[in-house]
């Protein structure tokens, strides 16, 4: 391709030729000349990385090491940076390099048929080299045992025998990555600088740069001489998109970063990227709806702590239980439902007779023994090791629950009937349900739903309750990409100079083995290297 000839034709057309690619581009008037200087670039670099979570950090580090200058754009202020990586559990399930064929079968089982073998092979290559990459960059890596995380019963799960951790949780991992980025040569991090548009040739779709808004409000046109890497995360906090792709009118609250609002989807849609993975939802555990609404992220349960359901049940507005509250997503794994559950959730059962969700709204009901034992919604407590609320100091649940009772997030009443009336639950229905549940506890068997974990009664007044929401770990939707992390168009061809990594267009568009998103995010180091190795367009 004759880049200079193509670009002269493109630039000579002035603003009208820039088309949709530069709607937000500052300083691009219709009086441009027949040269690249006709675009009023505010600055330039070799590679622009958008999004400073685990994927963006890995891409920036690797691009720098390949000799490129890098501008890393992040929408959040510095104290809130880190994306979902910083709020994750921090565990990375990795492949045994001697079992790549078996590993390919294991991952293929989880993928939609549109995910290519090339991409799976790229993911496995990145997984196999992840431990050494972390060590080479100074990480103190702790190796644990696993077997395919959630899907350990499969024979092919033997290809994923170990897990890695850097520190205790995802925040520790991101702290390490942030330090590595800050010590990388030629990397400039721009906080509070959201990207708006890709700047591209409307005829060839070759990506030339990025339009963004600076921290002080100025419009930026950043020239990317070699390439752009998209690591923007998902759309967990975009109500319109959640309604479009998930069951509507359901209270859903993100467990991770509130800054994931689907910004990248419009960027890649207008350049003609192939999209995928929008129906894949990774549920978290239940959360306190009034608290989550006020705080802005999920205030919920810890998904490996089955005792969070001690002296507690979940009911619908009729006061009826409808599920084993402390059940497991996978029977032989210590993962509490509905975390990563792909079955039909009873919470989302729908009646065509009433045209409503049968079990929504849903409510948490507990007694005083539960409240005096410690923070009820423990994933945003002071002891929490993940989830955004406490980790990023948006909200820390009090150890004695008194702050939340005073706020009205937890409603208190002397009797079950009074609590039901205060919450809008049928009093007779709730009273009968609590009595039947307590009898099950005394008998040591829950004949209604088979609950075995935390089978303890609601017997000590006063009683407490709140409406519940569903937690959302992350989304997977975004642009399709190949094994080299190149973003693909609708014909399956790479869009020139455009790469993506991490949650934004994740290959996990169907099933999810658990502890797989972080290795995929850090696999964006390949995207950074490949973008840096592009020939500069000028």
Foldseek 3Di string as FASTA:
>chain_A
DPLLVLQLVQLCQFPVQQPPQPPQQPPGGRPAHSHPVSRPAPEEWAEEEEAQALQSLLLLLLLLVLPTAYEYEAQAAPLQGHWLLQFFQQKAFAFDVVLLVLQLVVVVVLFDPPADSQQSSLLNVLRNCVVVVCVVLPFPKDKDFDFLFQPNVDPSSNRRTIMIGGPRGSNNVSVSSVVSSVPRPNYHYAYSKHWQAFRARLVQLATFFTWIAHNVGDIGTYGNQQFYEYALFAQQQALVLCVVQHPPPAFEFAQIRNSHRHNCFVHCVVSFFAKAQSNQFFWDAKALRVVCVVLVGGLAADFLDLLLCAQKAKFAQQQAGDAQQQAALHNVDSGGPPGLRPDDDLQQDADPVVRGRPRPQMKMKGAPVSLQVFFNSQCQAPPHPRTDCNSSVSDHQGGNNPVVCVVVSKDKDFDQLVQSVVANHNSVSNVVNLVLLQVCLVVQADPPHGHNRSSHHRDHDTMIMGTMGIYTHGGQMAGAAGSLQFGAGPVRHGSHRYGYWASHNDSSSGHDSPSHRSSRSSSSSSVSNNSSPGRGSD
